[in-house]
Amino acid sequence: MIYWQIFLAFFIPGILGYGGGPSSIPLIENEVVGTYGWLTVNEFSEVLALGNALPGPIATKMAGYIGYQQAGVLGAVVALFATVAPSMILMITLLGLLLKYKESPQVKKMTQLVRPAIAVLLGIMTVNFFVNSISTDGAGYIHTLIIGIASLFLLEKWKIHPAYVIAGALAYGAIFL
């Protein structure tokens, strides 16, 4: 019974909390504090603060902690699954529809329209990273240019796998920054 309650406590906010952690936190609080009484408001705020202090998605960290607190490792697994299940179900369903209608002219047109938008967003992100490297540290743009130019040659000219290029950029940053 506790596993079903844990599942519902995190599945319902996962369905209703569009936008991820910040929008689902009040819904999780309602379930955990109000409906099931597993935590007090003060304890919930401490769990929230702890979750915010750690890297990664807040909802999954809170689910893992609360699930573990209520029912051990299996409770944590159930809570984590319940948190990601709504997104996973939706993605599988949408991917299934896309694959079913991939030869449709409308789907082909949609993917053709999405690609330039993604390219523009990635370009804007790159410019923002470069501007930030200039404003943050006087020599930051030099390192950014070195990594960028080296990555371009490694990827395009020498056809090195992107994972190795990323690892090399991380190593460069660890050594020189």
N, C-alpha and C. Protein backbone atom coordinates (compact mmCIF):
# COMPACT_ATOMS: atom_id res chain seq x y z
N MET A 1 0.82 -1.20 0.00
CA MET A 1 0.00 0.00 0.00
C MET A 1 0.86 1.26 0.00
N ILE A 2 1.97 1.26 0.76
CA ILE A 2 2.82 2.44 0.83
C ILE A 2 3.43 2.75 -0.53
N TYR A 3 3.77 1.71 -1.30
CA TYR A 3 4.38 1.94 -2.61
C TYR A 3 3.39 2.59 -3.57
N TRP A 4 2.14 2.19 -3.50
CA TRP A 4 1.11 2.80 -4.32
C TRP A 4 0.91 4.27 -3.92
N GLN A 5 0.92 4.54 -2.64
CA GLN A 5 0.80 5.92 -2.17
C GLN A 5 1.98 6.76 -2.62
N ILE A 6 3.18 6.21 -2.52
CA ILE A 6 4.37 6.92 -2.99
C ILE A 6 4.26 7.19 -4.49
N PHE A 7 3.83 6.18 -5.22
CA PHE A 7 3.68 6.35 -6.66
C PHE A 7 2.71 7.48 -6.97
N LEU A 8 1.55 7.47 -6.36
CA LEU A 8 0.55 8.52 -6.61
C LEU A 8 1.03 9.90 -6.16
N ALA A 9 1.74 9.93 -5.04
CA ALA A 9 2.22 11.21 -4.50
C ALA A 9 3.16 11.91 -5.46
N PHE A 10 3.86 11.18 -6.29
CA PHE A 10 4.80 11.80 -7.22
C PHE A 10 4.36 11.73 -8.67
N PHE A 11 3.46 10.81 -9.00
CA PHE A 11 2.96 10.71 -10.37
C PHE A 11 1.99 11.84 -10.67
N ILE A 12 1.10 12.14 -9.76
CA ILE A 12 0.11 13.20 -9.97
C ILE A 12 0.80 14.56 -10.16
N PRO A 13 1.74 14.97 -9.31
CA PRO A 13 2.44 16.23 -9.59
C PRO A 13 3.23 16.18 -10.91
N GLY A 14 3.71 15.01 -11.29
CA GLY A 14 4.42 14.88 -12.56
C GLY A 14 3.52 15.14 -13.75
N ILE A 15 2.26 14.75 -13.63
CA ILE A 15 1.30 14.99 -14.70
C ILE A 15 0.86 16.46 -14.72
N LEU A 16 0.56 16.99 -13.57
CA LEU A 16 -0.01 18.33 -13.48
C LEU A 16 1.03 19.44 -13.46
N GLY A 17 2.24 19.14 -13.05
CA GLY A 17 3.27 20.17 -12.89
C GLY A 17 4.02 20.43 -14.18
N TYR A 18 3.39 21.11 -15.12
CA TYR A 18 4.02 21.41 -16.40
C TYR A 18 5.17 22.38 -16.18
N GLY A 19 6.33 22.07 -16.71
CA GLY A 19 7.47 22.95 -16.59
C GLY A 19 8.54 22.43 -15.66
N GLY A 20 8.33 21.28 -15.06
CA GLY A 20 9.36 20.68 -14.23
C GLY A 20 9.25 21.04 -12.77
N GLY A 21 10.41 21.01 -12.10
CA GLY A 21 10.51 21.16 -10.65
C GLY A 21 9.78 22.33 -10.05
N PRO A 22 10.08 23.58 -10.48
CA PRO A 22 9.46 24.73 -9.81
C PRO A 22 7.93 24.70 -9.82
N SER A 23 7.35 24.22 -10.90
CA SER A 23 5.89 24.20 -10.94
C SER A 23 5.30 23.00 -10.20
N SER A 24 6.08 21.94 -10.03
CA SER A 24 5.55 20.75 -9.36
C SER A 24 5.82 20.73 -7.86
N ILE A 25 6.70 21.60 -7.36
CA ILE A 25 7.02 21.60 -5.93
C ILE A 25 5.79 21.84 -5.05
N PRO A 26 4.93 22.84 -5.35
CA PRO A 26 3.73 22.99 -4.52
C PRO A 26 2.80 21.78 -4.58
N LEU A 27 2.76 21.12 -5.74
CA LEU A 27 1.92 19.92 -5.87
C LEU A 27 2.49 18.77 -5.05
N ILE A 28 3.82 18.63 -5.07
CA ILE A 28 4.47 17.59 -4.25
C ILE A 28 4.23 17.89 -2.78
N GLU A 29 4.35 19.16 -2.39
CA GLU A 29 4.11 19.53 -0.99
C GLU A 29 2.68 19.18 -0.58
N ASN A 30 1.73 19.45 -1.45
CA ASN A 30 0.34 19.12 -1.13
C ASN A 30 0.17 17.63 -0.87
N GLU A 31 0.81 16.80 -1.70
CA GLU A 31 0.68 15.36 -1.54
C GLU A 31 1.43 14.87 -0.30
N VAL A 32 2.68 15.29 -0.16
CA VAL A 32 3.56 14.76 0.89
C VAL A 32 3.16 15.29 2.27
N VAL A 33 2.82 16.57 2.35
CA VAL A 33 2.48 17.18 3.63
C VAL A 33 0.98 17.08 3.90
N GLY A 34 0.19 17.51 2.93
CA GLY A 34 -1.26 17.59 3.14
C GLY A 34 -1.98 16.26 3.07
N THR A 35 -1.78 15.52 1.99
CA THR A 35 -2.54 14.29 1.78
C THR A 35 -2.04 13.14 2.65
N TYR A 36 -0.74 12.89 2.64
CA TYR A 36 -0.21 11.72 3.33
C TYR A 36 0.42 12.03 4.68
N GLY A 37 0.80 13.26 4.94
CA GLY A 37 1.37 13.64 6.22
C GLY A 37 2.72 13.03 6.52
N TRP A 38 3.50 12.75 5.47
CA TRP A 38 4.81 12.15 5.68
C TRP A 38 5.81 13.13 6.26
N LEU A 39 5.64 14.40 5.93
CA LEU A 39 6.53 15.45 6.42
C LEU A 39 5.71 16.62 6.93
N THR A 40 6.29 17.39 7.82
CA THR A 40 5.67 18.66 8.21
C THR A 40 6.11 19.71 7.19
N VAL A 41 5.49 20.87 7.26
CA VAL A 41 5.87 21.96 6.36
C VAL A 41 7.34 22.33 6.57
N ASN A 42 7.78 22.35 7.82
CA ASN A 42 9.16 22.68 8.13
C ASN A 42 10.11 21.63 7.56
N GLU A 43 9.80 20.36 7.73
CA GLU A 43 10.64 19.30 7.19
C GLU A 43 10.68 19.36 5.66
N PHE A 44 9.52 19.63 5.06
CA PHE A 44 9.47 19.73 3.60
C PHE A 44 10.36 20.87 3.11
N SER A 45 10.33 21.99 3.82
CA SER A 45 11.18 23.12 3.42
C SER A 45 12.66 22.77 3.55
N GLU A 46 13.02 21.96 4.53
CA GLU A 46 14.40 21.52 4.66
C GLU A 46 14.80 20.57 3.53
N VAL A 47 13.89 19.68 3.15
CA VAL A 47 14.15 18.78 2.02
C VAL A 47 14.28 19.60 0.73
N LEU A 48 13.44 20.60 0.58
CA LEU A 48 13.51 21.48 -0.58
C LEU A 48 14.85 22.22 -0.62
N ALA A 49 15.28 22.74 0.51
CA ALA A 49 16.57 23.45 0.57
C ALA A 49 17.72 22.50 0.24
N LEU A 50 17.67 21.29 0.76
CA LEU A 50 18.70 20.30 0.46
C LEU A 50 18.69 19.96 -1.02
N GLY A 51 17.51 19.78 -1.59
CA GLY A 51 17.40 19.48 -3.02
C GLY A 51 17.93 20.60 -3.88
N ASN A 52 17.70 21.84 -3.47
CA ASN A 52 18.21 22.99 -4.22
C ASN A 52 19.73 23.11 -4.14
N ALA A 53 20.30 22.61 -3.06
CA ALA A 53 21.75 22.71 -2.89
C ALA A 53 22.51 21.70 -3.75
N LEU A 54 21.84 20.66 -4.19
CA LEU A 54 22.49 19.62 -4.98
C LEU A 54 22.23 19.84 -6.47
N PRO A 55 23.15 19.40 -7.33
CA PRO A 55 22.94 19.56 -8.77
C PRO A 55 21.88 18.60 -9.29
N GLY A 56 21.23 18.99 -10.36
CA GLY A 56 20.25 18.12 -11.02
C GLY A 56 18.83 18.57 -10.78
N PRO A 57 17.89 17.86 -11.38
CA PRO A 57 16.47 18.21 -11.25
C PRO A 57 15.98 18.07 -9.82
N ILE A 58 15.26 19.06 -9.35
CA ILE A 58 14.83 19.10 -7.95
C ILE A 58 13.77 18.04 -7.65
N ALA A 59 12.83 17.84 -8.56
CA ALA A 59 11.73 16.91 -8.28
C ALA A 59 12.23 15.49 -8.08
N THR A 60 13.21 15.07 -8.88
CA THR A 60 13.72 13.71 -8.73
C THR A 60 14.51 13.54 -7.44
N LYS A 61 15.25 14.59 -7.06
CA LYS A 61 16.01 14.49 -5.80
C LYS A 61 15.06 14.41 -4.61
N MET A 62 14.02 15.22 -4.64
CA MET A 62 13.05 15.18 -3.54
C MET A 62 12.31 13.85 -3.51
N ALA A 63 11.95 13.36 -4.69
CA ALA A 63 11.24 12.07 -4.76
C ALA A 63 12.12 10.95 -4.21
N GLY A 64 13.37 10.92 -4.61
CA GLY A 64 14.27 9.89 -4.12
C GLY A 64 14.42 9.94 -2.61
N TYR A 65 14.59 11.13 -2.07
CA TYR A 65 14.77 11.27 -0.63
C TYR A 65 13.50 10.87 0.13
N ILE A 66 12.37 11.40 -0.28
CA ILE A 66 11.12 11.13 0.44
C ILE A 66 10.72 9.67 0.27
N GLY A 67 10.90 9.12 -0.93
CA GLY A 67 10.59 7.71 -1.14
C GLY A 67 11.45 6.81 -0.29
N TYR A 68 12.74 7.15 -0.18
CA TYR A 68 13.65 6.37 0.66
C TYR A 68 13.27 6.50 2.13
N GLN A 69 12.92 7.69 2.54
CA GLN A 69 12.54 7.93 3.94
C GLN A 69 11.30 7.12 4.31
N GLN A 70 10.37 6.97 3.38
CA GLN A 70 9.11 6.29 3.68
C GLN A 70 9.18 4.78 3.51
N ALA A 71 9.96 4.29 2.53
CA ALA A 71 9.92 2.85 2.26
C ALA A 71 11.25 2.29 1.78
N GLY A 72 12.35 2.92 2.13
CA GLY A 72 13.65 2.38 1.80
C GLY A 72 14.00 2.51 0.33
N VAL A 73 14.90 1.66 -0.14
CA VAL A 73 15.41 1.74 -1.50
C VAL A 73 14.30 1.55 -2.52
N LEU A 74 13.43 0.57 -2.30
CA LEU A 74 12.33 0.34 -3.24
C LEU A 74 11.38 1.54 -3.28
N GLY A 75 11.17 2.18 -2.16
CA GLY A 75 10.36 3.40 -2.12
C GLY A 75 10.99 4.51 -2.93
N ALA A 76 12.31 4.64 -2.85
CA ALA A 76 13.02 5.65 -3.65
C ALA A 76 12.89 5.35 -5.13
N VAL A 77 13.01 4.08 -5.50
CA VAL A 77 12.89 3.69 -6.91
C VAL A 77 11.48 3.99 -7.41
N VAL A 78 10.48 3.64 -6.62
CA VAL A 78 9.08 3.89 -7.01
C VAL A 78 8.84 5.39 -7.17
N ALA A 79 9.33 6.18 -6.22
CA ALA A 79 9.13 7.63 -6.28
C ALA A 79 9.83 8.24 -7.49
N LEU A 80 11.06 7.80 -7.76
CA LEU A 80 11.77 8.31 -8.93
C LEU A 80 11.06 7.93 -10.22
N PHE A 81 10.62 6.68 -10.31
CA PHE A 81 9.90 6.26 -11.51
C PHE A 81 8.61 7.06 -11.68
N ALA A 82 7.89 7.26 -10.59
CA ALA A 82 6.63 8.02 -10.66
C ALA A 82 6.88 9.46 -11.09
N THR A 83 8.01 10.01 -10.73
CA THR A 83 8.33 11.39 -11.10
C THR A 83 8.62 11.52 -12.59
N VAL A 84 9.34 10.56 -13.15
CA VAL A 84 9.70 10.65 -14.57
C VAL A 84 8.71 9.95 -15.50
N ALA A 85 7.82 9.13 -14.96
CA ALA A 85 6.90 8.35 -15.78
C ALA A 85 6.00 9.21 -16.67
N PRO A 86 5.39 10.30 -16.17
CA PRO A 86 4.53 11.09 -17.07
C PRO A 86 5.27 11.62 -18.29
N SER A 87 6.48 12.14 -18.10
CA SER A 87 7.26 12.65 -19.23
C SER A 87 7.67 11.50 -20.14
N MET A 88 8.06 10.38 -19.55
CA MET A 88 8.48 9.24 -20.34
C MET A 88 7.32 8.70 -21.19
N ILE A 89 6.15 8.58 -20.60
CA ILE A 89 4.98 8.09 -21.33
C ILE A 89 4.63 9.03 -22.47
N LEU A 90 4.65 10.31 -22.19
CA LEU A 90 4.34 11.30 -23.22
C LEU A 90 5.36 11.27 -24.35
N MET A 91 6.63 11.17 -24.01
CA MET A 91 7.67 11.13 -25.04
C MET A 91 7.57 9.87 -25.90
N ILE A 92 7.31 8.73 -25.28
CA ILE A 92 7.18 7.49 -26.04
C ILE A 92 5.97 7.57 -26.96
N THR A 93 4.87 8.12 -26.46
CA THR A 93 3.66 8.25 -27.27
C THR A 93 3.90 9.19 -28.45
N LEU A 94 4.49 10.35 -28.17
CA LEU A 94 4.75 11.30 -29.25
C LEU A 94 5.75 10.76 -30.25
N LEU A 95 6.79 10.07 -29.78
CA LEU A 95 7.76 9.47 -30.68
C LEU A 95 7.11 8.39 -31.53
N GLY A 96 6.22 7.62 -30.94
CA GLY A 96 5.48 6.61 -31.69
C GLY A 96 4.64 7.24 -32.80
N LEU A 97 3.98 8.36 -32.48
CA LEU A 97 3.20 9.07 -33.50
C LEU A 97 4.09 9.63 -34.60
N LEU A 98 5.22 10.20 -34.20
CA LEU A 98 6.15 10.73 -35.20
C LEU A 98 6.68 9.64 -36.12
N LEU A 99 7.03 8.50 -35.54
CA LEU A 99 7.53 7.39 -36.36
C LEU A 99 6.44 6.82 -37.26
N LYS A 100 5.22 6.79 -36.77
CA LYS A 100 4.11 6.26 -37.56
C LYS A 100 3.84 7.14 -38.78
N TYR A 101 3.95 8.45 -38.58
CA TYR A 101 3.63 9.38 -39.66
C TYR A 101 4.86 10.08 -40.21
N LYS A 102 6.04 9.44 -40.12
CA LYS A 102 7.27 10.10 -40.54
C LYS A 102 7.32 10.40 -42.04
N GLU A 103 6.56 9.67 -42.83
CA GLU A 103 6.52 9.93 -44.28
C GLU A 103 5.45 10.96 -44.65
N SER A 104 4.70 11.40 -43.68
CA SER A 104 3.65 12.39 -43.93
C SER A 104 4.28 13.73 -44.32
N PRO A 105 3.71 14.43 -45.29
CA PRO A 105 4.26 15.74 -45.69
C PRO A 105 4.24 16.76 -44.54
N GLN A 106 3.23 16.67 -43.68
CA GLN A 106 3.14 17.61 -42.56
C GLN A 106 4.28 17.38 -41.56
N VAL A 107 4.59 16.12 -41.28
CA VAL A 107 5.67 15.81 -40.33
C VAL A 107 7.02 16.21 -40.93
N LYS A 108 7.21 15.94 -42.21
CA LYS A 108 8.46 16.34 -42.87
C LYS A 108 8.61 17.86 -42.85
N LYS A 109 7.53 18.57 -43.11
CA LYS A 109 7.57 20.03 -43.07
C LYS A 109 7.88 20.53 -41.66
N MET A 110 7.27 19.88 -40.65
CA MET A 110 7.50 20.28 -39.27
C MET A 110 8.98 20.12 -38.89
N THR A 111 9.57 18.99 -39.26
CA THR A 111 10.98 18.77 -38.93
C THR A 111 11.88 19.73 -39.70
N GLN A 112 11.50 20.08 -40.91
CA GLN A 112 12.28 21.07 -41.66
C GLN A 112 12.19 22.45 -41.02
N LEU A 113 11.06 22.77 -40.42
CA LEU A 113 10.90 24.07 -39.76
C LEU A 113 11.60 24.12 -38.40
N VAL A 114 11.69 22.98 -37.73
CA VAL A 114 12.28 22.95 -36.40
C VAL A 114 13.81 23.05 -36.47
N ARG A 115 14.42 22.46 -37.46
CA ARG A 115 15.88 22.44 -37.56
C ARG A 115 16.50 23.84 -37.56
N PRO A 116 16.03 24.79 -38.38
CA PRO A 116 16.63 26.13 -38.31
C PRO A 116 16.42 26.81 -36.96
N ALA A 117 15.28 26.57 -36.34
CA ALA A 117 15.03 27.17 -35.02
C ALA A 117 16.04 26.63 -34.00
N ILE A 118 16.32 25.36 -34.04
CA ILE A 118 17.29 24.77 -33.13
C ILE A 118 18.68 25.33 -33.42
N ALA A 119 19.01 25.48 -34.70
CA ALA A 119 20.32 26.03 -35.07
C ALA A 119 20.45 27.47 -34.55
N VAL A 120 19.40 28.26 -34.67
CA VAL A 120 19.44 29.64 -34.18
C VAL A 120 19.59 29.66 -32.66
N LEU A 121 18.85 28.81 -31.95
CA LEU A 121 18.96 28.75 -30.50
C LEU A 121 20.36 28.34 -30.06
N LEU A 122 20.95 27.36 -30.74
CA LEU A 122 22.32 26.96 -30.41
C LEU A 122 23.31 28.09 -30.71
N GLY A 123 23.08 28.81 -31.80
CA GLY A 123 23.94 29.95 -32.12
C GLY A 123 23.86 31.04 -31.07
N ILE A 124 22.65 31.35 -30.62
CA ILE A 124 22.46 32.37 -29.58
C ILE A 124 23.15 31.92 -28.29
N MET A 125 23.01 30.65 -27.95
CA MET A 125 23.65 30.13 -26.75
C MET A 125 25.17 30.26 -26.86
N THR A 126 25.72 29.96 -28.04
CA THR A 126 27.16 30.07 -28.25
C THR A 126 27.63 31.51 -28.09
N VAL A 127 26.89 32.44 -28.68
CA VAL A 127 27.25 33.86 -28.55
C VAL A 127 27.18 34.28 -27.09
N ASN A 128 26.14 33.85 -26.38
CA ASN A 128 26.03 34.20 -24.95
C ASN A 128 27.19 33.64 -24.14
N PHE A 129 27.60 32.40 -24.43
CA PHE A 129 28.76 31.82 -23.74
C PHE A 129 30.02 32.64 -24.02
N PHE A 130 30.20 33.03 -25.29
CA PHE A 130 31.39 33.80 -25.65
C PHE A 130 31.38 35.16 -24.98
N VAL A 131 30.24 35.86 -25.01
CA VAL A 131 30.13 37.17 -24.36
C VAL A 131 30.38 37.04 -22.86
N ASN A 132 29.85 35.99 -22.25
CA ASN A 132 30.06 35.76 -20.83
C ASN A 132 31.53 35.49 -20.52
N SER A 133 32.21 34.78 -21.41
CA SER A 133 33.63 34.50 -21.16
C SER A 133 34.46 35.77 -21.25
N ILE A 134 34.04 36.71 -22.06
CA ILE A 134 34.76 37.99 -22.15
C ILE A 134 34.52 38.84 -20.92
N SER A 135 33.26 38.93 -20.49
CA SER A 135 32.92 39.81 -19.37
C SER A 135 33.33 39.23 -18.02
N THR A 136 33.40 37.92 -17.90
CA THR A 136 33.73 37.30 -16.62
C THR A 136 35.22 37.39 -16.30
N ASP A 137 36.04 37.08 -17.27
CA ASP A 137 37.48 37.00 -17.05
C ASP A 137 38.16 37.63 -18.25
N GLY A 138 39.14 38.45 -18.01
CA GLY A 138 39.84 39.11 -19.10
C GLY A 138 40.45 38.15 -20.09
N ALA A 139 40.96 37.02 -19.65
CA ALA A 139 41.61 36.06 -20.54
C ALA A 139 40.67 34.93 -20.94
N GLY A 140 39.43 34.96 -20.48
CA GLY A 140 38.49 33.88 -20.76
C GLY A 140 38.20 33.70 -22.24
N TYR A 141 38.16 34.80 -22.99
CA TYR A 141 37.85 34.68 -24.41
C TYR A 141 38.97 33.98 -25.18
N ILE A 142 40.20 34.12 -24.71
CA ILE A 142 41.32 33.44 -25.37
C ILE A 142 41.15 31.93 -25.25
N HIS A 143 40.84 31.48 -24.05
CA HIS A 143 40.62 30.04 -23.85
C HIS A 143 39.40 29.56 -24.63
N THR A 144 38.36 30.38 -24.68
CA THR A 144 37.16 30.02 -25.45
C THR A 144 37.51 29.89 -26.92
N LEU A 145 38.28 30.82 -27.45
CA LEU A 145 38.69 30.74 -28.86
C LEU A 145 39.57 29.52 -29.12
N ILE A 146 40.50 29.24 -28.20
CA ILE A 146 41.38 28.06 -28.38
C ILE A 146 40.53 26.78 -28.42
N ILE A 147 39.63 26.64 -27.47
CA ILE A 147 38.79 25.44 -27.43
C ILE A 147 37.89 25.38 -28.66
N GLY A 148 37.31 26.51 -29.05
CA GLY A 148 36.42 26.54 -30.21
C GLY A 148 37.13 26.18 -31.50
N ILE A 149 38.28 26.79 -31.74
CA ILE A 149 39.03 26.52 -32.97
C ILE A 149 39.56 25.09 -32.99
N ALA A 150 40.10 24.65 -31.85
CA ALA A 150 40.59 23.27 -31.78
C ALA A 150 39.45 22.28 -32.01
N SER A 151 38.30 22.55 -31.43
CA SER A 151 37.15 21.66 -31.61
C SER A 151 36.71 21.62 -33.07
N LEU A 152 36.70 22.78 -33.72
CA LEU A 152 36.32 22.83 -35.13
C LEU A 152 37.24 21.94 -35.97
N PHE A 153 38.54 22.08 -35.77
CA PHE A 153 39.48 21.25 -36.54
C PHE A 153 39.35 19.78 -36.19
N LEU A 154 39.24 19.48 -34.90
CA LEU A 154 39.14 18.07 -34.51
C LEU A 154 37.87 17.41 -35.06
N LEU A 155 36.77 18.13 -35.04
CA LEU A 155 35.51 17.56 -35.51
C LEU A 155 35.41 17.53 -37.03
N GLU A 156 35.74 18.62 -37.68
CA GLU A 156 35.50 18.73 -39.11
C GLU A 156 36.65 18.21 -39.97
N LYS A 157 37.86 18.55 -39.60
CA LYS A 157 38.99 18.16 -40.44
C LYS A 157 39.46 16.74 -40.15
N TRP A 158 39.62 16.42 -38.87
CA TRP A 158 40.18 15.12 -38.51
C TRP A 158 39.11 14.10 -38.10
N LYS A 159 37.85 14.52 -38.09
CA LYS A 159 36.71 13.61 -37.84
C LYS A 159 36.84 12.84 -36.52
N ILE A 160 37.29 13.52 -35.47
CA ILE A 160 37.39 12.92 -34.14
C ILE A 160 35.98 12.85 -33.54
N HIS A 161 35.69 11.78 -32.83
CA HIS A 161 34.36 11.61 -32.22
C HIS A 161 34.11 12.75 -31.23
N PRO A 162 32.88 13.31 -31.22
CA PRO A 162 32.56 14.44 -30.32
C PRO A 162 32.82 14.16 -28.84
N ALA A 163 32.64 12.92 -28.40
CA ALA A 163 32.88 12.60 -26.99
C ALA A 163 34.34 12.86 -26.62
N TYR A 164 35.27 12.53 -27.52
CA TYR A 164 36.69 12.77 -27.26
C TYR A 164 37.01 14.27 -27.26
N VAL A 165 36.34 15.00 -28.14
CA VAL A 165 36.55 16.45 -28.20
C VAL A 165 36.06 17.10 -26.90
N ILE A 166 34.90 16.68 -26.43
CA ILE A 166 34.37 17.21 -25.17
C ILE A 166 35.29 16.87 -24.00
N ALA A 167 35.76 15.61 -23.97
CA ALA A 167 36.68 15.20 -22.90
C ALA A 167 37.97 16.01 -22.97
N GLY A 168 38.45 16.28 -24.18
CA GLY A 168 39.65 17.09 -24.33
C GLY A 168 39.44 18.52 -23.86
N ALA A 169 38.26 19.09 -24.17
CA ALA A 169 37.95 20.45 -23.71
C ALA A 169 37.86 20.49 -22.19
N LEU A 170 37.29 19.46 -21.60
CA LEU A 170 37.23 19.39 -20.14
C LEU A 170 38.63 19.29 -19.54
N ALA A 171 39.47 18.48 -20.14
CA ALA A 171 40.85 18.34 -19.65
C ALA A 171 41.59 19.67 -19.80
N TYR A 172 41.41 20.35 -20.92
CA TYR A 172 42.04 21.66 -21.13
C TYR A 172 41.59 22.63 -20.04
N GLY A 173 40.30 22.65 -19.77
CA GLY A 173 39.77 23.54 -18.74
C GLY A 173 40.32 23.20 -17.36
N ALA A 174 40.46 21.92 -17.08
CA ALA A 174 40.97 21.50 -15.78
C ALA A 174 42.44 21.88 -15.61
N ILE A 175 43.18 21.82 -16.68
CA ILE A 175 44.62 22.12 -16.61
C ILE A 175 44.90 23.62 -16.63
N PHE A 176 44.26 24.34 -17.52
CA PHE A 176 44.63 25.74 -17.75
C PHE A 176 43.71 26.77 -17.10
N LEU A 177 42.58 26.34 -16.59
CA LEU A 177 41.66 27.35 -16.01
C LEU A 177 41.51 27.21 -14.53
